[in-house]
Amino acid sequence: MNAQQPDWPDPDLLRAVTGRLGAAPPLVFAEECDRLRERLAAVARGEGLLLQGGDCAETFSGVTADAVRGKLRTLLQMAVVLSHASGLPVVKVGRMAGQFAKPRSSPVERRGALTLPSYRGDAVNGREFTAPARRPDPRRMERMYEASVATLNLVRAHVRGGFADLRQVQGWNEEFVAGSPLAGRYARTAGEVSRALAFLRASGVDQSRLRTAEFFVSHEGLLLDYERALTRVDERTGRAYATSGHLLWVGERTRQPDGAHIDFLSRVHNPVAVKLGPGTEPDTVLRYLDRLDPARTPGRLTFVVRAGAERVRDVLPVLVEKARAEGARVGWVCDPMHGNTVTAPSGHKTRDFSAIWAEVRGFVEVHRALGSHPGGIHVELTGEDVTECTGGGTPVRAADLPLRYTTACDPRLNHAQSLDLAFHLAELYTAPLRGLAGEPPRPAAAAAD
């Protein structure tokens, strides 16, 4: 079952493109993928957190130094806040350098009397509602490869060149706190991090490791023609790796246990993830474990739960208990974006910050009640001052949505909203010590027993 694949009109051109991609250098290397598996193993064991974020859909025109720097800066700032609050290392993974294709609920889009193929991301066709733009063109996969190379070059230069220096990142956080309407709420966390850094300096601790950061990239492994073309066998081990990104995931529309996407992920040695929506059956979780992680190896498989704020307390407990009963050591991560999408009166798709936060909070509190580890968050965000999601500490109103609504697909948190979420979550991770979150409620599934 090859779900959500484009209807390429020219098979000969497709073969030529995939042939060239098959001979191209890898975008990432097996050793980097193995290192990410080790980091995600710590998350699965409760010894780390995953912070994964970036654009809903990358665009070719969006691959600029400023845009990449903005997303990277936002994720680094969030990571500092979360690491300090939890006392755990934060694994930083961008939805970057490959997130150029999107699944769609319908293969066609209708406007008046005209029906055209749906926009499936810049890797497939164009956003303009014209027949030439919407015609799937496999040459766009080569442009995706080139755009991913450019993005990776920018990311690697920044994280190794001083941009990710922890002292600089904390300075950014202090600037944010000073200008935030919630400054008093966040000042404590920012101040504690600053005092910790001052202590390290005063103690003569070698701070060279503070100047760089580990950063990985990920995307939905949607276009199988692209992913197969960029699969390489590692000479060291003889294992196959998807070299299009360090971490690939399968989304809600392509996660059929017997489908082509799960089959592809089962054949590569990268760390992989599966999105679990509110309709996920516990037995389906077992099928994913058997297909993708038969050896039950920590770091191999991450489950990203996208149940929605109203459903997470009902859906999550049974899935966690099923995986635990099977001896699985998977990472559990919350995607609070996709289950909370609504349409504003203006017609814009949007998400309200309060619903996003409610799902994150429910996710963490369910895990606490079960004695399992809330392993992190997976969010759609940008470093820009967009108006796509409502609410937040510097609130975006529904009337503001048309002002700076630039996403190619789904709405993203802006820079301020992303940091608001990080500070909120930081308080929740330290709640057992400070009593900020109150007594976690008993999950609905447990209460029914």
Protein backbone atom coordinates (compact mmCIF):
# COMPACT_ATOMS: atom_id res chain seq x y z
CA MET A 1 0.00 0.00 0.00
CA ASN A 2 1.79 3.10 -1.31
CA ALA A 3 -0.36 5.74 0.38
CA GLN A 4 0.04 9.47 -0.33
CA GLN A 5 2.42 9.08 -3.28
CA PRO A 6 2.28 11.59 -6.16
CA ASP A 7 0.87 10.56 -9.50
CA TRP A 8 4.07 11.29 -11.42
CA PRO A 9 3.02 11.85 -15.06
CA ASP A 10 6.38 10.94 -16.67
CA PRO A 11 7.83 7.57 -15.51
CA ASP A 12 10.97 8.02 -17.62
CA LEU A 13 11.74 11.37 -16.02
CA LEU A 14 11.11 9.88 -12.57
CA ARG A 15 13.64 7.10 -13.26
CA ALA A 16 16.21 9.62 -14.47
CA VAL A 17 15.78 11.77 -11.35
CA THR A 18 15.96 8.88 -8.89
CA GLY A 19 18.99 7.57 -10.74
CA ARG A 20 20.82 10.85 -10.23
CA LEU A 21 19.75 11.01 -6.60
CA GLY A 22 20.98 7.44 -6.16
CA ALA A 23 24.47 8.56 -7.21
CA ALA A 24 24.47 11.75 -5.11
CA PRO A 25 26.46 12.08 -1.85
CA PRO A 26 24.51 11.28 1.34
CA LEU A 27 23.01 14.21 3.21
CA VAL A 28 23.79 12.68 6.60
CA PHE A 29 26.12 9.92 7.69
CA ALA A 30 25.60 6.58 9.39
CA GLU A 31 27.78 7.58 12.36
CA GLU A 32 25.55 10.62 12.99
CA CYS A 33 22.41 8.47 12.86
CA ASP A 34 23.97 6.02 15.31
CA ARG A 35 24.81 8.88 17.67
CA LEU A 36 21.20 10.06 17.57
CA ARG A 37 20.05 6.52 18.38
CA GLU A 38 22.26 6.64 21.46
CA ARG A 39 20.78 9.99 22.51
CA LEU A 40 17.23 8.74 21.97
CA ALA A 41 18.04 5.62 23.97
CA ALA A 42 18.65 7.94 26.92
CA VAL A 43 15.24 9.53 26.30
CA ALA A 44 13.61 6.09 26.28
CA ARG A 45 15.32 5.23 29.57
CA GLY A 46 14.12 8.45 31.20
CA GLU A 47 17.57 10.04 31.10
CA GLY A 48 16.95 12.72 28.48
CA LEU A 49 14.34 14.81 26.64
CA LEU A 50 13.63 15.22 22.95
CA LEU A 51 12.91 18.69 21.56
CA GLN A 52 11.86 18.41 17.92
CA GLY A 53 10.56 21.36 15.96
CA GLY A 54 10.49 23.36 12.77
CA ASP A 55 8.28 24.25 9.83
CA CYS A 56 5.13 22.35 9.01
CA ALA A 57 6.33 22.36 5.41
CA GLU A 58 9.65 23.78 4.27
CA THR A 59 9.68 25.73 1.03
CA PHE A 60 12.46 26.32 -1.44
CA SER A 61 12.10 30.08 -1.09
CA GLY A 62 12.28 29.73 2.70
CA VAL A 63 15.81 28.32 2.69
CA THR A 64 17.56 31.51 3.72
CA ALA A 65 20.26 32.18 6.26
CA ASP A 66 17.88 34.30 8.37
CA ALA A 67 15.11 31.67 8.40
CA VAL A 68 17.44 28.81 9.31
CA ARG A 69 19.15 30.92 11.97
CA GLY A 70 15.79 31.92 13.45
CA LYS A 71 14.54 28.34 13.83
CA LEU A 72 17.86 27.19 15.22
CA ARG A 73 17.98 30.07 17.71
CA THR A 74 14.44 29.30 18.92
CA LEU A 75 15.19 25.61 19.46
CA LEU A 76 18.46 26.36 21.26
CA GLN A 77 16.71 28.80 23.58
CA MET A 78 13.95 26.29 24.34
CA ALA A 79 16.51 23.56 24.99
CA VAL A 80 18.38 25.61 27.59
CA VAL A 81 15.16 26.27 29.50
CA LEU A 82 14.06 22.62 29.40
CA SER A 83 17.45 21.19 30.29
CA HIS A 84 17.76 23.45 33.32
CA ALA A 85 14.24 22.65 34.53
CA SER A 86 14.46 18.90 34.10
CA GLY A 87 18.13 18.38 34.96
CA LEU A 88 18.34 16.23 31.82
CA PRO A 89 20.18 16.62 28.51
CA VAL A 90 17.92 17.79 25.68
CA VAL A 91 18.26 16.10 22.29
CA LYS A 92 17.73 18.83 19.69
CA VAL A 93 16.19 17.72 16.39
CA GLY A 94 14.94 20.10 13.71
CA ARG A 95 12.06 19.50 11.30
CA MET A 96 14.54 20.77 8.73
CA ALA A 97 16.52 19.84 5.63
CA GLY A 98 13.89 17.51 4.18
CA GLN A 99 10.37 18.53 5.29
CA PHE A 100 9.38 19.61 1.79
CA ALA A 101 6.52 17.13 1.17
CA LYS A 102 3.11 16.92 2.84
CA PRO A 103 0.32 14.33 2.90
CA ARG A 104 -3.13 15.64 2.01
CA SER A 105 -6.65 14.65 2.98
CA SER A 106 -7.77 14.86 -0.65
CA PRO A 107 -5.79 14.23 -3.86
CA VAL A 108 -7.52 17.19 -5.53
CA GLU A 109 -8.48 20.75 -4.67
CA ARG A 110 -11.58 22.46 -6.05
CA ARG A 111 -12.07 26.19 -6.48
CA GLY A 112 -15.30 27.03 -8.23
CA ALA A 113 -15.51 24.99 -11.41
CA LEU A 114 -11.79 24.21 -11.50
CA THR A 115 -10.36 20.98 -10.02
CA LEU A 116 -6.58 20.52 -9.79
CA PRO A 117 -4.18 18.21 -7.93
CA SER A 118 -3.67 19.21 -4.30
CA TYR A 119 -0.47 20.97 -3.30
CA ARG A 120 1.78 18.25 -1.82
CA GLY A 121 4.73 20.42 -0.87
CA ASP A 122 7.48 22.03 -2.91
CA ALA A 123 9.08 18.62 -3.42
CA VAL A 124 6.15 17.63 -5.64
CA ASN A 125 4.38 20.67 -7.11
CA GLY A 126 3.74 24.39 -6.67
CA ARG A 127 1.28 26.25 -4.41
CA GLU A 128 -0.16 28.40 -7.22
CA PHE A 129 -3.61 27.24 -8.25
CA THR A 130 -2.79 26.70 -11.92
CA ALA A 131 -2.55 23.52 -13.95
CA PRO A 132 1.19 23.91 -14.75
CA ALA A 133 2.11 24.61 -11.11
CA ARG A 134 0.07 21.74 -9.70
CA ARG A 135 1.44 19.17 -12.15
CA PRO A 136 3.73 16.81 -10.13
CA ASP A 137 7.32 17.19 -11.32
CA PRO A 138 9.96 14.69 -10.08
CA ARG A 139 12.72 17.21 -10.81
CA ARG A 140 11.53 19.00 -7.70
CA MET A 141 13.01 16.15 -5.65
CA GLU A 142 16.42 17.22 -6.92
CA ARG A 143 15.65 20.77 -5.81
CA MET A 144 14.66 19.34 -2.41
CA TYR A 145 18.02 17.60 -2.19
CA GLU A 146 19.85 20.84 -3.07
CA ALA A 147 17.79 22.86 -0.58
CA SER A 148 18.51 20.26 2.11
CA VAL A 149 22.24 20.51 1.40
CA ALA A 150 22.07 24.29 1.81
CA THR A 151 20.09 24.00 5.05
CA LEU A 152 22.47 21.44 6.52
CA ASN A 153 25.48 23.57 5.62
CA LEU A 154 23.95 26.52 7.47
CA VAL A 155 23.01 24.41 10.50
CA ARG A 156 26.45 22.82 10.78
CA ALA A 157 28.21 26.15 10.42
CA HIS A 158 26.09 27.72 13.15
CA VAL A 159 26.29 24.95 15.74
CA ARG A 160 30.05 24.62 15.31
CA GLY A 161 30.90 28.29 14.87
CA GLY A 162 29.89 29.82 18.20
CA PHE A 163 26.24 30.62 17.43
CA ALA A 164 25.18 27.84 19.82
CA ASP A 165 27.46 28.95 22.66
CA LEU A 166 25.41 28.32 25.82
CA ARG A 167 26.35 31.70 27.28
CA GLN A 168 25.08 33.49 24.18
CA VAL A 169 21.87 31.45 24.11
CA GLN A 170 21.20 32.29 27.74
CA GLY A 171 21.73 35.96 26.92
CA TRP A 172 18.97 35.64 24.31
CA ASN A 173 16.69 34.11 26.95
CA GLU A 174 17.37 36.98 29.32
CA GLU A 175 16.46 39.44 26.56
CA PHE A 176 13.24 37.54 25.90
CA VAL A 177 12.27 37.44 29.56
CA ALA A 178 12.94 41.16 29.99
CA GLY A 179 10.56 41.98 27.14
CA SER A 180 7.86 39.42 27.89
CA PRO A 181 4.54 40.29 29.56
CA LEU A 182 5.23 37.21 31.72
CA ALA A 183 8.68 38.44 32.74
CA GLY A 184 8.07 37.90 36.45
CA ARG A 185 7.00 34.33 35.86
CA TYR A 186 10.03 33.47 33.77
CA ALA A 187 12.69 35.54 35.52
CA ARG A 188 13.39 32.86 38.11
CA THR A 189 14.30 30.20 35.55
CA ALA A 190 16.43 32.57 33.47
CA GLY A 191 18.19 33.80 36.59
CA GLU A 192 18.96 30.31 37.83
CA VAL A 193 20.59 29.38 34.53
CA SER A 194 22.71 32.54 34.62
CA ARG A 195 23.84 31.80 38.17
CA ALA A 196 24.75 28.24 37.18
CA LEU A 197 26.92 29.52 34.33
CA ALA A 198 28.56 32.05 36.65
CA PHE A 199 29.35 29.25 39.09
CA LEU A 200 31.03 27.24 36.31
CA ARG A 201 33.19 30.22 35.38
CA ALA A 202 34.13 30.91 38.99
CA SER A 203 35.03 27.24 39.55
CA GLY A 204 37.45 27.21 36.63
CA VAL A 205 35.50 24.51 34.81
CA ASP A 206 36.56 23.98 31.17
CA GLN A 207 33.81 25.71 29.21
CA SER A 208 34.96 24.73 25.72
CA ARG A 209 32.05 22.27 25.38
CA LEU A 210 29.59 25.11 25.99
CA ARG A 211 30.56 26.72 22.67
CA THR A 212 28.99 24.10 20.39
CA ALA A 213 25.82 22.00 20.34
CA GLU A 214 24.70 18.68 18.93
CA PHE A 215 21.91 19.17 16.44
CA PHE A 216 20.14 16.64 14.24
CA VAL A 217 17.60 16.94 11.41
CA SER A 218 14.43 15.01 10.66
CA HIS A 219 11.43 14.89 8.36
CA GLU A 220 8.43 12.76 7.52
CA GLY A 221 9.59 9.91 5.30
CA LEU A 222 6.75 10.48 2.87
CA LEU A 223 8.15 10.39 -0.68
CA LEU A 224 9.32 6.82 -1.04
CA ASP A 225 10.96 7.44 -4.43
CA TYR A 226 13.19 10.03 -2.76
CA GLU A 227 13.89 8.02 0.38
CA ARG A 228 14.79 4.84 -1.50
CA ALA A 229 17.08 6.75 -3.85
CA LEU A 230 19.01 8.19 -0.88
CA THR A 231 19.32 4.92 1.02
CA ARG A 232 22.94 3.82 1.38
CA VAL A 233 24.67 0.76 2.84
CA ASP A 234 27.26 1.58 5.48
CA GLU A 235 30.62 0.00 4.65
CA ARG A 236 31.44 -0.48 8.35
CA THR A 237 28.45 -2.61 9.23
CA GLY A 238 26.66 -3.57 6.02
CA ARG A 239 23.48 -1.92 7.35
CA ALA A 240 21.22 0.28 5.26
CA TYR A 241 20.59 3.89 6.30
CA ALA A 242 18.20 6.51 4.97
CA THR A 243 20.74 9.27 4.40
CA SER A 244 18.12 11.95 3.71
CA GLY A 245 17.95 12.76 7.45
CA HIS A 246 19.00 11.49 10.85
CA LEU A 247 15.45 10.66 11.99
CA LEU A 248 12.48 9.79 9.80
CA TRP A 249 8.90 9.41 10.94
CA VAL A 250 5.67 8.02 9.52
CA GLY A 251 2.59 10.20 9.85
CA GLU A 252 -1.02 9.55 10.72
CA ARG A 253 -2.07 9.04 7.09
CA THR A 254 0.70 6.58 6.15
CA ARG A 255 1.19 4.51 9.32
CA GLN A 256 -0.60 1.37 8.11
CA PRO A 257 1.33 -1.52 9.77
CA ASP A 258 1.36 -3.46 6.49
CA GLY A 259 1.93 -0.37 4.34
CA ALA A 260 4.92 0.65 2.26
CA HIS A 261 6.10 3.38 4.65
CA ILE A 262 6.35 1.14 7.70
CA ASP A 263 8.02 -1.47 5.51
CA PHE A 264 10.62 1.06 4.36
CA LEU A 265 11.43 2.18 7.91
CA SER A 266 11.77 -1.44 8.98
CA ARG A 267 14.64 -1.84 6.49
CA VAL A 268 16.82 1.10 7.60
CA HIS A 269 18.96 1.42 10.73
CA ASN A 270 18.13 5.06 11.51
CA PRO A 271 16.15 5.92 14.60
CA VAL A 272 12.52 6.13 13.47
CA ALA A 273 9.22 7.46 14.81
CA VAL A 274 5.51 6.85 14.31
CA LYS A 275 2.77 9.41 14.86
CA LEU A 276 -0.15 8.01 16.90
CA GLY A 277 -3.52 9.72 16.53
CA PRO A 278 -6.58 9.36 18.77
CA GLY A 279 -7.86 6.35 16.83
CA THR A 280 -4.76 4.22 17.44
CA GLU A 281 -5.61 0.76 18.79
CA PRO A 282 -3.32 -0.79 21.44
CA ASP A 283 -2.81 -3.88 19.28
CA THR A 284 -1.61 -1.65 16.46
CA VAL A 285 1.14 -0.38 18.77
CA LEU A 286 2.25 -3.98 19.19
CA ARG A 287 2.41 -4.41 15.41
CA TYR A 288 4.64 -1.32 15.11
CA LEU A 289 6.92 -2.72 17.79
CA ASP A 290 7.22 -6.06 16.02
CA ARG A 291 7.86 -4.47 12.62
CA LEU A 292 10.16 -1.62 13.62
CA ASP A 293 11.73 -2.67 16.92
CA PRO A 294 11.58 -6.46 17.24
CA ALA A 295 14.70 -6.51 19.45
CA ARG A 296 13.14 -3.90 21.80
CA THR A 297 16.24 -1.70 21.56
CA PRO A 298 16.05 1.71 23.31
CA GLY A 299 16.58 4.54 20.84
CA ARG A 300 15.30 2.73 17.79
CA LEU A 301 11.61 3.71 18.01
CA THR A 302 9.82 6.82 19.24
CA PHE A 303 6.04 7.16 19.48
CA VAL A 304 4.78 10.70 18.88
CA VAL A 305 1.28 11.06 20.30
CA ARG A 306 -1.07 13.57 18.66
CA ALA A 307 -4.37 12.88 20.43
CA GLY A 308 -5.71 16.41 20.99
CA ALA A 309 -6.17 18.27 24.26
CA GLU A 310 -9.57 16.72 24.91
CA ARG A 311 -8.49 13.15 24.23
CA VAL A 312 -4.92 12.78 25.47
CA ARG A 313 -5.84 11.65 29.00
CA ASP A 314 -8.07 8.92 27.60
CA VAL A 315 -5.90 7.77 24.68
CA LEU A 316 -2.38 7.83 26.09
CA PRO A 317 -2.58 5.52 29.16
CA VAL A 318 -3.70 2.42 27.28
CA LEU A 319 -1.01 2.88 24.62
CA VAL A 320 1.76 3.32 27.19
CA GLU A 321 0.60 0.31 29.19
CA LYS A 322 0.43 -1.86 26.06
CA ALA A 323 3.99 -0.99 25.04
CA ARG A 324 5.27 -1.48 28.59
CA ALA A 325 3.60 -4.90 28.82
CA GLU A 326 5.52 -5.94 25.69
CA GLY A 327 8.87 -5.00 27.22
CA ALA A 328 9.35 -2.06 24.85
CA ARG A 329 11.71 0.78 25.75
CA VAL A 330 10.44 3.43 23.37
CA GLY A 331 10.50 7.19 23.62
CA TRP A 332 7.15 8.86 24.26
CA VAL A 333 6.82 12.36 22.78
CA CYS A 334 3.88 14.79 22.58
CA ASP A 335 2.81 16.46 19.34
CA PRO A 336 0.32 19.04 20.65
CA MET A 337 -0.21 20.68 17.27
CA HIS A 338 -2.06 18.36 14.91
CA GLY A 339 -4.87 17.33 17.25
CA ASN A 340 -5.78 20.93 18.02
CA THR A 341 -6.25 22.51 14.60
CA VAL A 342 -9.39 24.61 14.05
CA THR A 343 -10.64 27.02 11.39
CA ALA A 344 -10.98 30.68 12.38
CA PRO A 345 -13.90 32.83 11.15
CA SER A 346 -11.48 34.33 8.61
CA GLY A 347 -11.00 30.88 7.07
CA HIS A 348 -7.43 30.48 8.35
CA LYS A 349 -6.41 27.18 9.91
CA THR A 350 -5.12 27.95 13.38
CA ARG A 351 -4.27 26.48 16.78
CA ASP A 352 -4.82 28.13 20.12
CA PHE A 353 -1.92 28.24 22.55
CA SER A 354 -4.16 27.22 25.45
CA ALA A 355 -5.15 23.99 23.68
CA ILE A 356 -1.54 23.25 22.76
CA TRP A 357 -0.49 23.73 26.36
CA ALA A 358 -3.43 21.68 27.67
CA GLU A 359 -2.35 18.68 25.60
CA VAL A 360 1.29 18.99 26.71
CA ARG A 361 0.23 19.23 30.33
CA GLY A 362 -2.11 16.25 30.01
CA PHE A 363 0.67 14.24 28.36
CA VAL A 364 3.12 14.92 31.19
CA GLU A 365 0.61 14.29 33.95
CA VAL A 366 -0.53 10.98 32.47
CA HIS A 367 3.06 9.78 32.37
CA ARG A 368 3.60 10.84 35.97
CA ALA A 369 0.52 8.93 37.06
CA LEU A 370 1.75 5.82 35.23
CA GLY A 371 5.33 6.12 36.46
CA SER A 372 6.62 6.43 32.90
CA HIS A 373 8.76 9.12 31.29
CA PRO A 374 7.29 12.08 29.35
CA GLY A 375 10.08 12.16 26.80
CA GLY A 376 9.60 15.52 25.12
CA ILE A 377 7.68 17.52 22.54
CA HIS A 378 7.38 17.69 18.76
CA VAL A 379 6.10 21.09 17.60
CA GLU A 380 5.66 23.11 14.44
CA LEU A 381 7.39 26.45 14.96
CA THR A 382 9.33 29.22 13.32
CA GLY A 383 11.78 31.80 14.56
CA GLU A 384 9.77 34.53 12.85
CA ASP A 385 7.07 36.84 14.24
CA VAL A 386 4.21 35.16 12.37
CA THR A 387 0.52 35.34 13.32
CA GLU A 388 -0.66 31.79 12.70
CA CYS A 389 -1.51 30.41 16.16
CA THR A 390 -3.66 32.41 18.57
CA GLY A 391 -2.92 33.15 22.23
CA GLY A 392 0.39 33.01 24.07
CA GLY A 393 2.13 35.39 26.46
CA THR A 394 2.18 38.10 23.79
CA PRO A 395 -1.23 37.10 22.50
CA VAL A 396 -2.18 36.77 18.87
CA ARG A 397 -5.90 37.42 18.39
CA ALA A 398 -8.08 35.78 15.76
CA ALA A 399 -8.30 39.17 14.05
CA ASP A 400 -4.50 39.23 13.77
CA LEU A 401 -4.22 36.00 11.74
CA PRO A 402 -4.19 37.64 8.29
CA LEU A 403 -1.36 40.01 9.25
CA ARG A 404 1.60 37.62 8.96
CA TYR A 405 0.18 34.23 7.99
CA THR A 406 2.94 32.78 5.80
CA THR A 407 2.96 29.02 6.38
CA ALA A 408 2.88 26.76 3.34
CA CYS A 409 0.47 24.40 5.07
CA ASP A 410 -0.38 24.27 8.80
CA PRO A 411 -0.04 27.06 11.43
CA ARG A 412 3.19 27.35 13.46
CA LEU A 413 4.06 28.82 16.82
CA ASN A 414 6.04 32.01 16.45
CA HIS A 415 9.27 32.71 18.33
CA ALA A 416 7.61 34.19 21.42
CA GLN A 417 4.94 31.48 21.61
CA SER A 418 7.60 28.78 21.31
CA LEU A 419 9.54 30.19 24.24
CA ASP A 420 6.32 30.64 26.21
CA LEU A 421 5.69 26.93 25.73
CA ALA A 422 9.22 26.06 26.87
CA PHE A 423 8.89 28.11 30.06
CA HIS A 424 5.46 26.65 30.79
CA LEU A 425 6.83 23.14 30.33
CA ALA A 426 9.84 23.98 32.48
CA GLU A 427 7.52 24.80 35.35
CA LEU A 428 5.73 21.50 34.86
CA TYR A 429 8.98 19.51 34.90
CA THR A 430 9.95 21.17 38.19
CA ALA A 431 6.42 20.99 39.64
CA PRO A 432 7.12 18.03 41.98
CA LEU A 433 9.65 20.25 43.78
CA ARG A 434 7.77 23.54 43.63
CA GLY A 435 4.14 22.41 43.67
CA LEU A 436 3.27 24.42 40.58
CA ALA A 437 1.19 21.89 38.68
CA GLY A 438 -0.86 20.43 41.50
CA GLU A 439 -1.68 16.78 42.04
CA PRO A 440 -1.72 14.89 38.71
CA PRO A 441 -5.20 13.51 38.01
CA ARG A 442 -5.81 9.83 37.66
CA PRO A 443 -6.03 8.85 33.96
CA ALA A 444 -9.52 7.94 32.75
CA ALA A 445 -8.49 4.42 31.73
CA ALA A 446 -7.11 3.69 35.17
CA ALA A 447 -10.14 5.17 36.93
CA ALA A 448 -12.45 2.84 35.00
CA ASP A 449 -10.76 -0.32 36.24
